[in-house]
PDB file of N, CA and C in Angstrom:
ATOM      1  N   MET A   1      38.747 -54.674  41.440  1.00  0.00           N
ATOM      2  CA  MET A   1      37.877 -55.410  41.245  1.00  0.00           C
ATOM      3  C   MET A   1      36.881 -53.753  41.693  1.00  0.00           C
ATOM      4  N   MET A   2      36.407 -53.265  40.301  1.00  0.00           N
ATOM      5  CA  MET A   2      35.543 -52.452  39.968  1.00  0.00           C
ATOM      6  C   MET A   2      34.033 -51.830  40.803  1.00  0.00           C
ATOM      7  N   ASN A   3      33.486 -51.367  41.594  1.00  0.00           N
ATOM      8  CA  ASN A   3      32.176 -51.248  41.352  1.00  0.00           C
ATOM      9  C   ASN A   3      31.360 -51.551  40.260  1.00  0.00           C
ATOM     10  N   LYS A   4      30.142 -52.067  40.090  1.00  0.00           N
ATOM     11  CA  LYS A   4      29.509 -52.127  39.256  1.00  0.00           C
ATOM     12  C   LYS A   4      28.946 -51.060  39.033  1.00  0.00           C
ATOM     13  N   PRO A   5      29.238 -50.215  37.528  1.00  0.00           N
ATOM     14  CA  PRO A   5      28.731 -48.662  37.322  1.00  0.00           C
ATOM     15  C   PRO A   5      26.454 -49.030  37.212  1.00  0.00           C
ATOM     16  N   GLU A   6      26.682 -47.367  37.335  1.00  0.00           N
ATOM     17  CA  GLU A   6      24.786 -47.123  37.616  1.00  0.00           C
ATOM     18  C   GLU A   6      24.690 -46.113  36.771  1.00  0.00           C
ATOM     19  N   LEU A   7      23.543 -46.341  35.768  1.00  0.00           N
ATOM     20  CA  LEU A   7      22.941 -45.515  34.721  1.00  0.00           C
ATOM     21  C   LEU A   7      22.156 -44.469  35.861  1.00  0.00           C
ATOM     22  N   LYS A   8      22.488 -43.366  35.984  1.00  0.00           N
ATOM     23  CA  LYS A   8      21.602 -42.361  36.149  1.00  0.00           C
ATOM     24  C   LYS A   8      20.845 -40.989  34.883  1.00  0.00           C
ATOM     25  N   ASN A   9      20.584 -40.173  35.500  1.00  0.00           N
ATOM     26  CA  ASN A   9      19.498 -39.458  34.641  1.00  0.00           C
ATOM     27  C   ASN A   9      19.144 -40.082  33.489  1.00  0.00           C
ATOM     28  N   ILE A  10      18.435 -40.907  33.370  1.00  0.00           N
ATOM     29  CA  ILE A  10      17.818 -41.799  31.954  1.00  0.00           C
ATOM     30  C   ILE A  10      16.772 -40.482  31.504  1.00  0.00           C
ATOM     31  N   GLN A  11      17.241 -40.578  30.194  1.00  0.00           N
ATOM     32  CA  GLN A  11      16.172 -39.876  29.490  1.00  0.00           C
ATOM     33  C   GLN A  11      15.540 -40.172  27.733  1.00  0.00           C
ATOM     34  N   THR A  12      15.108 -40.933  27.868  1.00  0.00           N
ATOM     35  CA  THR A  12      14.304 -41.706  26.670  1.00  0.00           C
ATOM     36  C   THR A  12      12.942 -41.106  26.207  1.00  0.00           C
ATOM     37  N   ASN A  13      12.681 -41.350  25.241  1.00  0.00           N
ATOM     38  CA  ASN A  13      11.620 -42.007  24.300  1.00  0.00           C
ATOM     39  C   ASN A  13      11.037 -42.907  24.088  1.00  0.00           C
ATOM     40  N   MET A  14      12.005 -44.091  24.038  1.00  0.00           N
ATOM     41  CA  MET A  14      11.732 -45.451  23.617  1.00  0.00           C
ATOM     42  C   MET A  14      10.872 -46.149  24.811  1.00  0.00           C
ATOM     43  N   VAL A  15       9.977 -46.817  23.821  1.00  0.00           N
ATOM     44  CA  VAL A  15       9.254 -47.890  25.063  1.00  0.00           C
ATOM     45  C   VAL A  15       9.513 -48.974  25.785  1.00  0.00           C
ATOM     46  N   ASP A  16       8.921 -49.183  26.868  1.00  0.00           N
ATOM     47  CA  ASP A  16       9.664 -49.861  27.673  1.00  0.00           C
ATOM     48  C   ASP A  16      10.597 -51.193  27.751  1.00  0.00           C
ATOM     49  N   HIS A  17       9.980 -51.965  27.130  1.00  0.00           N
ATOM     50  CA  HIS A  17      11.275 -53.384  26.325  1.00  0.00           C
ATOM     51  C   HIS A  17      11.836 -52.839  25.494  1.00  0.00           C
ATOM     52  N   ARG A  18      11.955 -51.588  24.770  1.00  0.00           N
ATOM     53  CA  ARG A  18      12.997 -51.591  24.093  1.00  0.00           C
ATOM     54  C   ARG A  18      14.153 -50.603  25.251  1.00  0.00           C
ATOM     55  N   LYS A  19      13.949 -49.731  26.066  1.00  0.00           N
ATOM     56  CA  LYS A  19      14.324 -48.988  27.025  1.00  0.00           C
ATOM     57  C   LYS A  19      15.485 -50.335  27.493  1.00  0.00           C
ATOM     58  N   LYS A  20      14.472 -51.223  28.156  1.00  0.00           N
ATOM     59  CA  LYS A  20      15.343 -52.074  29.152  1.00  0.00           C
ATOM     60  C   LYS A  20      16.070 -53.220  28.106  1.00  0.00           C
ATOM     61  N   GLU A  21      16.027 -53.440  27.081  1.00  0.00           N
ATOM     62  CA  GLU A  21      16.869 -53.778  26.075  1.00  0.00           C
ATOM     63  C   GLU A  21      18.155 -52.979  25.814  1.00  0.00           C
ATOM     64  N   THR A  22      18.284 -51.972  25.980  1.00  0.00           N
ATOM     65  CA  THR A  22      18.973 -51.031  25.453  1.00  0.00           C
ATOM     66  C   THR A  22      19.884 -50.811  26.904  1.00  0.00           C
ATOM     67  N   ILE A  23      19.317 -50.451  28.128  1.00  0.00           N
ATOM     68  CA  ILE A  23      20.077 -50.726  29.578  1.00  0.00           C
ATOM     69  C   ILE A  23      20.817 -52.061  29.399  1.00  0.00           C
ATOM     70  N   GLY A  24      20.400 -53.016  29.289  1.00  0.00           N
ATOM     71  CA  GLY A  24      21.109 -54.206  29.324  1.00  0.00           C
ATOM     72  C   GLY A  24      22.302 -54.166  28.201  1.00  0.00           C
ATOM     73  N   ILE A  25      22.046 -53.872  27.049  1.00  0.00           N
ATOM     74  CA  ILE A  25      23.037 -53.450  26.530  1.00  0.00           C
ATOM     75  C   ILE A  25      24.372 -52.919  26.911  1.00  0.00           C
ATOM     76  N   ILE A  26      24.085 -51.827  27.618  1.00  0.00           N
ATOM     77  CA  ILE A  26      25.115 -50.710  27.735  1.00  0.00           C
ATOM     78  C   ILE A  26      25.241 -51.473  29.293  1.00  0.00           C
ATOM     79  N   TYR A  27      24.889 -51.989  29.973  1.00  0.00           N
ATOM     80  CA  TYR A  27      25.434 -53.048  30.966  1.00  0.00           C
ATOM     81  C   TYR A  27      26.401 -53.886  31.035  1.00  0.00           C
ATOM     82  N   ARG A  28      26.157 -54.908  29.913  1.00  0.00           N
ATOM     83  CA  ARG A  28      27.210 -56.001  29.070  1.00  0.00           C
ATOM     84  C   ARG A  28      28.280 -55.118  28.873  1.00  0.00           C
ATOM     85  N   ALA A  29      27.914 -54.309  28.175  1.00  0.00           N
ATOM     86  CA  ALA A  29      29.092 -53.241  27.356  1.00  0.00           C
ATOM     87  C   ALA A  29      30.016 -53.229  28.623  1.00  0.00           C
ATOM     88  N   LEU A  30      29.781 -52.680  29.678  1.00  0.00           N
ATOM     89  CA  LEU A  30      30.800 -51.828  31.030  1.00  0.00           C
ATOM     90  C   LEU A  30      30.856 -53.403  31.675  1.00  0.00           C
ATOM     91  N   GLU A  31      30.789 -53.997  31.331  1.00  0.00           N
ATOM     92  CA  GLU A  31      31.489 -55.040  32.001  1.00  0.00           C
ATOM     93  C   GLU A  31      32.664 -55.381  31.706  1.00  0.00           C
ATOM     94  N   ASP A  32      33.020 -55.008  30.538  1.00  0.00           N
ATOM     95  CA  ASP A  32      34.428 -55.338  29.818  1.00  0.00           C
ATOM     96  C   ASP A  32      35.487 -54.324  30.513  1.00  0.00           C
ATOM     97  N   GLU A  33      36.118 -54.105  31.172  1.00  0.00           N
ATOM     98  CA  GLU A  33      36.858 -52.803  31.701  1.00  0.00           C
ATOM     99  C   GLU A  33      37.754 -52.335  30.677  1.00  0.00           C
ATOM    100  N   LYS A  34      38.126 -52.941  29.459  1.00  0.00           N
ATOM    101  CA  LYS A  34      38.401 -52.164  28.375  1.00  0.00           C
ATOM    102  C   LYS A  34      37.799 -50.827  27.938  1.00  0.00           C
ATOM    103  N   ASN A  35      35.875 -51.294  28.047  1.00  0.00           N
ATOM    104  CA  ASN A  35      34.803 -50.572  27.761  1.00  0.00           C
ATOM    105  C   ASN A  35      34.779 -49.107  28.560  1.00  0.00           C
ATOM    106  N   TYR A  36      34.700 -49.983  30.216  1.00  0.00           N
ATOM    107  CA  TYR A  36      34.767 -48.899  31.079  1.00  0.00           C
ATOM    108  C   TYR A  36      35.778 -47.606  31.389  1.00  0.00           C
ATOM    109  N   ILE A  37      37.091 -48.055  30.607  1.00  0.00           N
ATOM    110  CA  ILE A  37      38.468 -47.378  30.697  1.00  0.00           C
ATOM    111  C   ILE A  37      38.473 -46.161  29.070  1.00  0.00           C
ATOM    112  N   TYR A  38      38.036 -46.853  28.143  1.00  0.00           N
ATOM    113  CA  TYR A  38      38.163 -46.169  27.083  1.00  0.00           C
ATOM    114  C   TYR A  38      37.057 -45.778  26.105  1.00  0.00           C
ATOM    115  N   PRO A  39      36.802 -44.764  26.535  1.00  0.00           N
ATOM    116  CA  PRO A  39      35.574 -44.070  26.044  1.00  0.00           C
ATOM    117  C   PRO A  39      34.622 -44.631  24.634  1.00  0.00           C
ATOM    118  N   GLN A  40      36.092 -44.717  23.563  1.00  0.00           N
ATOM    119  CA  GLN A  40      35.435 -44.978  22.151  1.00  0.00           C
ATOM    120  C   GLN A  40      35.313 -46.445  21.985  1.00  0.00           C
ATOM    121  N   CYS A  41      35.674 -47.473  22.697  1.00  0.00           N
ATOM    122  CA  CYS A  41      35.376 -48.864  23.182  1.00  0.00           C
ATOM    123  C   CYS A  41      34.111 -49.096  23.434  1.00  0.00           C
ATOM    124  N   LEU A  42      34.160 -48.329  24.204  1.00  0.00           N
ATOM    125  CA  LEU A  42      32.538 -48.506  24.861  1.00  0.00           C
ATOM    126  C   LEU A  42      31.671 -48.127  23.940  1.00  0.00           C
ATOM    127  N   CYS A  43      31.388 -46.644  23.218  1.00  0.00           N
ATOM    128  CA  CYS A  43      31.012 -46.480  21.887  1.00  0.00           C
ATOM    129  C   CYS A  43      30.756 -47.385  20.958  1.00  0.00           C
ATOM    130  N   ARG A  44      32.050 -47.801  20.524  1.00  0.00           N
ATOM    131  CA  ARG A  44      31.534 -48.976  19.532  1.00  0.00           C
ATOM    132  C   ARG A  44      30.632 -50.211  19.828  1.00  0.00           C
ATOM    133  N   THR A  45      31.003 -50.736  21.305  1.00  0.00           N
ATOM    134  CA  THR A  45      30.285 -52.318  21.496  1.00  0.00           C
ATOM    135  C   THR A  45      29.086 -51.869  21.432  1.00  0.00           C
ATOM    136  N   ILE A  46      28.643 -50.363  22.213  1.00  0.00           N
ATOM    137  CA  ILE A  46      27.323 -50.140  22.058  1.00  0.00           C
ATOM    138  C   ILE A  46      26.334 -50.208  21.544  1.00  0.00           C
ATOM    139  N   LYS A  47      26.727 -49.441  20.048  1.00  0.00           N
ATOM    140  CA  LYS A  47      26.385 -49.301  18.930  1.00  0.00           C
ATOM    141  C   LYS A  47      26.784 -50.646  18.014  1.00  0.00           C
ATOM    142  N   GLU A  48      27.693 -51.376  17.848  1.00  0.00           N
ATOM    143  CA  GLU A  48      27.388 -52.765  17.324  1.00  0.00           C
ATOM    144  C   GLU A  48      26.442 -53.934  18.011  1.00  0.00           C
ATOM    145  N   GLN A  49      26.071 -54.048  18.932  1.00  0.00           N
ATOM    146  CA  GLN A  49      25.051 -54.516  19.978  1.00  0.00           C
ATOM    147  C   GLN A  49      24.011 -53.932  19.456  1.00  0.00           C
ATOM    148  N   CYS A  50      23.465 -52.645  19.450  1.00  0.00           N
ATOM    149  CA  CYS A  50      21.934 -51.942  19.263  1.00  0.00           C
ATOM    150  C   CYS A  50      21.867 -52.052  17.499  1.00  0.00           C
ATOM    151  N   ASP A  51      22.947 -52.189  16.595  1.00  0.00           N
ATOM    152  CA  ASP A  51      22.943 -52.568  15.062  1.00  0.00           C
ATOM    153  C   ASP A  51      22.319 -53.898  15.387  1.00  0.00           C
ATOM    154  N   LYS A  52      22.327 -54.816  15.995  1.00  0.00           N
ATOM    155  CA  LYS A  52      22.086 -56.203  15.858  1.00  0.00           C
ATOM    156  C   LYS A  52      20.512 -56.062  16.372  1.00  0.00           C
ATOM    157  N   THR A  53      19.993 -55.164  16.864  1.00  0.00           N
ATOM    158  CA  THR A  53      18.336 -55.024  16.558  1.00  0.00           C
ATOM    159  C   THR A  53      17.973 -54.328  15.968  1.00  0.00           C
ATOM    160  N   GLY A  54      18.265 -53.856  15.016  1.00  0.00           N
ATOM    161  CA  GLY A  54      17.855 -53.792  13.491  1.00  0.00           C
ATOM    162  C   GLY A  54      18.408 -52.395  13.199  1.00  0.00           C
ATOM    163  N   GLY A  55      18.823 -51.977  11.891  1.00  0.00           N
ATOM    164  CA  GLY A  55      18.779 -50.855  11.588  1.00  0.00           C
ATOM    165  C   GLY A  55      20.271 -50.278  12.191  1.00  0.00           C
ATOM    166  N   THR A  56      20.835 -48.788  11.669  1.00  0.00           N
ATOM    167  CA  THR A  56      21.748 -48.021  11.921  1.00  0.00           C
ATOM    168  C   THR A  56      21.954 -47.150  12.627  1.00  0.00           C
ATOM    169  N   TRP A  57      22.378 -47.291  13.892  1.00  0.00           N
ATOM    170  CA  TRP A  57      22.364 -46.869  15.927  1.00  0.00           C
ATOM    171  C   TRP A  57      23.652 -45.650  15.473  1.00  0.00           C
ATOM    172  N   ASN A  58      23.662 -44.656  16.288  1.00  0.00           N
ATOM    173  CA  ASN A  58      24.458 -43.505  15.972  1.00  0.00           C
ATOM    174  C   ASN A  58      24.738 -43.494  17.476  1.00  0.00           C
ATOM    175  N   CYS A  59      26.290 -43.588  18.262  1.00  0.00           N
ATOM    176  CA  CYS A  59      26.242 -43.642  19.411  1.00  0.00           C
ATOM    177  C   CYS A  59      27.505 -42.298  19.761  1.00  0.00           C
ATOM    178  N   HIS A  60      27.700 -41.921  20.482  1.00  0.00           N
ATOM    179  CA  HIS A  60      28.527 -41.161  21.468  1.00  0.00           C
ATOM    180  C   HIS A  60      28.483 -41.414  22.626  1.00  0.00           C
ATOM    181  N   VAL A  61      30.041 -40.993  23.251  1.00  0.00           N
ATOM    182  CA  VAL A  61      29.862 -41.333  24.876  1.00  0.00           C
ATOM    183  C   VAL A  61      31.031 -40.327  24.814  1.00  0.00           C
ATOM    184  N   GLY A  62      31.386 -39.629  26.063  1.00  0.00           N
ATOM    185  CA  GLY A  62      32.413 -39.086  26.155  1.00  0.00           C
ATOM    186  C   GLY A  62      31.479 -37.869  27.864  1.00  0.00           C
ATOM    187  N   PRO A  63      33.202 -37.256  28.068  1.00  0.00           N
ATOM    188  CA  PRO A  63      32.658 -36.696  29.736  1.00  0.00           C
ATOM    189  C   PRO A  63      31.996 -35.776  29.339  1.00  0.00           C
ATOM    190  N   SER A  64      31.730 -34.951  28.066  1.00  0.00           N
ATOM    191  CA  SER A  64      30.831 -33.445  28.239  1.00  0.00           C
ATOM    192  C   SER A  64      30.922 -33.886  26.882  1.00  0.00           C
ATOM    193  N   PHE A  65      29.318 -32.941  26.184  1.00  0.00           N
ATOM    194  CA  PHE A  65      29.083 -32.421  25.201  1.00  0.00           C
ATOM    195  C   PHE A  65      27.712 -31.831  25.226  1.00  0.00           C
ATOM    196  N   GLY A  66      27.826 -31.385  23.749  1.00  0.00           N
ATOM    197  CA  GLY A  66      26.398 -30.582  23.776  1.00  0.00           C
ATOM    198  C   GLY A  66      25.409 -31.438  22.546  1.00  0.00           C
ATOM    199  N   SER A  67      24.341 -31.439  22.276  1.00  0.00           N
ATOM    200  CA  SER A  67      23.713 -32.049  21.076  1.00  0.00           C
ATOM    201  C   SER A  67      22.410 -31.132  20.771  1.00  0.00           C
ATOM    202  N   SER A  68      22.066 -31.371  18.852  1.00  0.00           N
ATOM    203  CA  SER A  68      21.241 -30.950  19.143  1.00  0.00           C
ATOM    204  C   SER A  68      21.012 -31.431  17.603  1.00  0.00           C
ATOM    205  N   PHE A  69      19.595 -33.008  17.451  1.00  0.00           N
ATOM    206  CA  PHE A  69      19.669 -33.067  15.872  1.00  0.00           C
ATOM    207  C   PHE A  69      18.663 -33.590  15.603  1.00  0.00           C
ATOM    208  N   PRO A  70      17.860 -33.985  14.779  1.00  0.00           N
ATOM    209  CA  PRO A  70      16.910 -35.029  14.575  1.00  0.00           C
ATOM    210  C   PRO A  70      16.835 -36.509  15.211  1.00  0.00           C
ATOM    211  N   TYR A  71      15.954 -37.446  15.247  1.00  0.00           N
ATOM    212  CA  TYR A  71      15.994 -38.785  15.558  1.00  0.00           C
ATOM    213  C   TYR A  71      14.682 -39.508  14.968  1.00  0.00           C
ATOM    214  N   ASN A  72      15.114 -40.491  15.404  1.00  0.00           N
ATOM    215  CA  ASN A  72      13.623 -41.009  14.538  1.00  0.00           C
ATOM    216  C   ASN A  72      12.579 -41.441  16.333  1.00  0.00           C
ATOM    217  N   SER A  73      11.238 -41.385  15.919  1.00  0.00           N
ATOM    218  CA  SER A  73      10.589 -41.700  17.561  1.00  0.00           C
ATOM    219  C   SER A  73      10.925 -43.668  17.849  1.00  0.00           C
ATOM    220  N   ASN A  74      11.200 -43.426  18.930  1.00  0.00           N
ATOM    221  CA  ASN A  74      11.224 -44.739  19.822  1.00  0.00           C
ATOM    222  C   ASN A  74      12.532 -45.020  19.844  1.00  0.00           C
ATOM    223  N   THR A  75      13.988 -44.021  19.727  1.00  0.00           N
ATOM    224  CA  THR A  75      15.284 -44.268  19.060  1.00  0.00           C
ATOM    225  C   THR A  75      16.121 -43.506  19.801  1.00  0.00           C
ATOM    226  N   TYR A  76      15.467 -42.421  20.637  1.00  0.00           N
ATOM    227  CA  TYR A  76      16.386 -41.799  21.796  1.00  0.00           C
ATOM    228  C   TYR A  76      16.613 -42.618  23.215  1.00  0.00           C
ATOM    229  N   PHE A  77      18.357 -42.501  23.314  1.00  0.00           N
ATOM    230  CA  PHE A  77      18.363 -42.630  24.999  1.00  0.00           C
ATOM    231  C   PHE A  77      19.343 -41.568  25.060  1.00  0.00           C
ATOM    232  N   TYR A  78      19.283 -41.460  26.623  1.00  0.00           N
ATOM    233  CA  TYR A  78      20.900 -41.117  27.083  1.00  0.00           C
ATOM    234  C   TYR A  78      20.437 -41.197  28.446  1.00  0.00           C
ATOM    235  N   ALA A  79      22.057 -41.349  28.795  1.00  0.00           N
ATOM    236  CA  ALA A  79      22.375 -41.473  30.442  1.00  0.00           C
ATOM    237  C   ALA A  79      23.750 -41.135  30.520  1.00  0.00           C
ATOM    238  N   GLU A  80      23.717 -41.018  32.188  1.00  0.00           N
ATOM    239  CA  GLU A  80      25.353 -40.881  32.522  1.00  0.00           C
ATOM    240  C   GLU A  80      25.454 -41.798  33.377  1.00  0.00           C
ATOM    241  N   CYS A  81      26.624 -41.635  33.439  1.00  0.00           N
ATOM    242  CA  CYS A  81      27.586 -43.220  33.904  1.00  0.00           C
ATOM    243  C   CYS A  81      28.696 -42.954  34.767  1.00  0.00           C
ATOM    244  N   ASP A  82      28.671 -42.082  35.877  1.00  0.00           N
ATOM    245  CA  ASP A  82      30.487 -41.457  36.470  1.00  0.00           C
ATOM    246  C   ASP A  82      30.437 -40.636  36.070  1.00  0.00           C
ATOM    247  N   ASP A  83      31.533 -40.531  34.884  1.00  0.00           N
ATOM    248  CA  ASP A  83      31.800 -39.150  34.459  1.00  0.00           C
ATOM    249  C   ASP A  83      31.719 -39.215  32.806  1.00  0.00           C
ATOM    250  N   LEU A  84      30.740 -40.542  32.498  1.00  0.00           N
ATOM    251  CA  LEU A  84      30.222 -40.195  31.282  1.00  0.00           C
ATOM    252  C   LEU A  84      29.260 -39.846  30.713  1.00  0.00           C
ATOM    253  N   SER A  85      28.806 -39.454  29.706  1.00  0.00           N
ATOM    254  CA  SER A  85      27.471 -39.089  28.982  1.00  0.00           C
ATOM    255  C   SER A  85      27.257 -40.134  27.850  1.00  0.00           C
ATOM    256  N   ILE A  86      26.599 -41.133  27.969  1.00  0.00           N
ATOM    257  CA  ILE A  86      26.078 -42.051  26.725  1.00  0.00           C
ATOM    258  C   ILE A  86      24.836 -41.876  25.840  1.00  0.00           C
ATOM    259  N   LEU A  87      25.052 -41.803  24.502  1.00  0.00           N
ATOM    260  CA  LEU A  87      23.810 -40.373  23.603  1.00  0.00           C
ATOM    261  C   LEU A  87      23.565 -41.916  22.612  1.00  0.00           C
ATOM    262  N   LEU A  88      22.484 -42.259  22.539  1.00  0.00           N
ATOM    263  CA  LEU A  88      22.263 -43.104  21.686  1.00  0.00           C
ATOM    264  C   LEU A  88      21.129 -42.808  20.956  1.00  0.00           C
ATOM    265  N   TYR A  89      20.887 -42.889  19.551  1.00  0.00           N
ATOM    266  CA  TYR A  89      19.540 -42.944  18.422  1.00  0.00           C
ATOM    267  C   TYR A  89      19.928 -43.044  17.287  1.00  0.00           C
ATOM    268  N   LYS A  90      19.451 -43.403  16.877  1.00  0.00           N
ATOM    269  CA  LYS A  90      18.953 -43.689  15.307  1.00  0.00           C
ATOM    270  C   LYS A  90      18.102 -42.255  14.306  1.00  0.00           C
ATOM    271  N   PHE A  91      18.813 -42.488  13.096  1.00  0.00           N
ATOM    272  CA  PHE A  91      17.988 -40.944  12.662  1.00  0.00           C
ATOM    273  C   PHE A  91      18.218 -41.613  10.944  1.00  0.00           C
ATOM    274  N   GLN A  92      17.494 -41.536   9.946  1.00  0.00           N
ATOM    275  CA  GLN A  92      17.298 -42.349   8.766  1.00  0.00           C
ATOM    276  C   GLN A  92      16.429 -41.172   7.393  1.00  0.00           C
TER     277      GLN A  92
END
């Protein structure tokens, strides 16, 4: 049984209710062990769930990456979970 993962170093420009919804989506995705082991599965699950909230979301999950990009206001979310970084945003 693995310990419950914890999101750390959260950085976002989301309003509080959207931030809470996003954190919930990520924690639910992490409950599936397959998603926890395979970053590409975690990324797909998070993106699909966020797409259901409206619009097309972009999600990146991996152990290390740099980024610089434009994004819509109230849609940027970044967090770390163990050795993975999770980046989520919308741009249209």
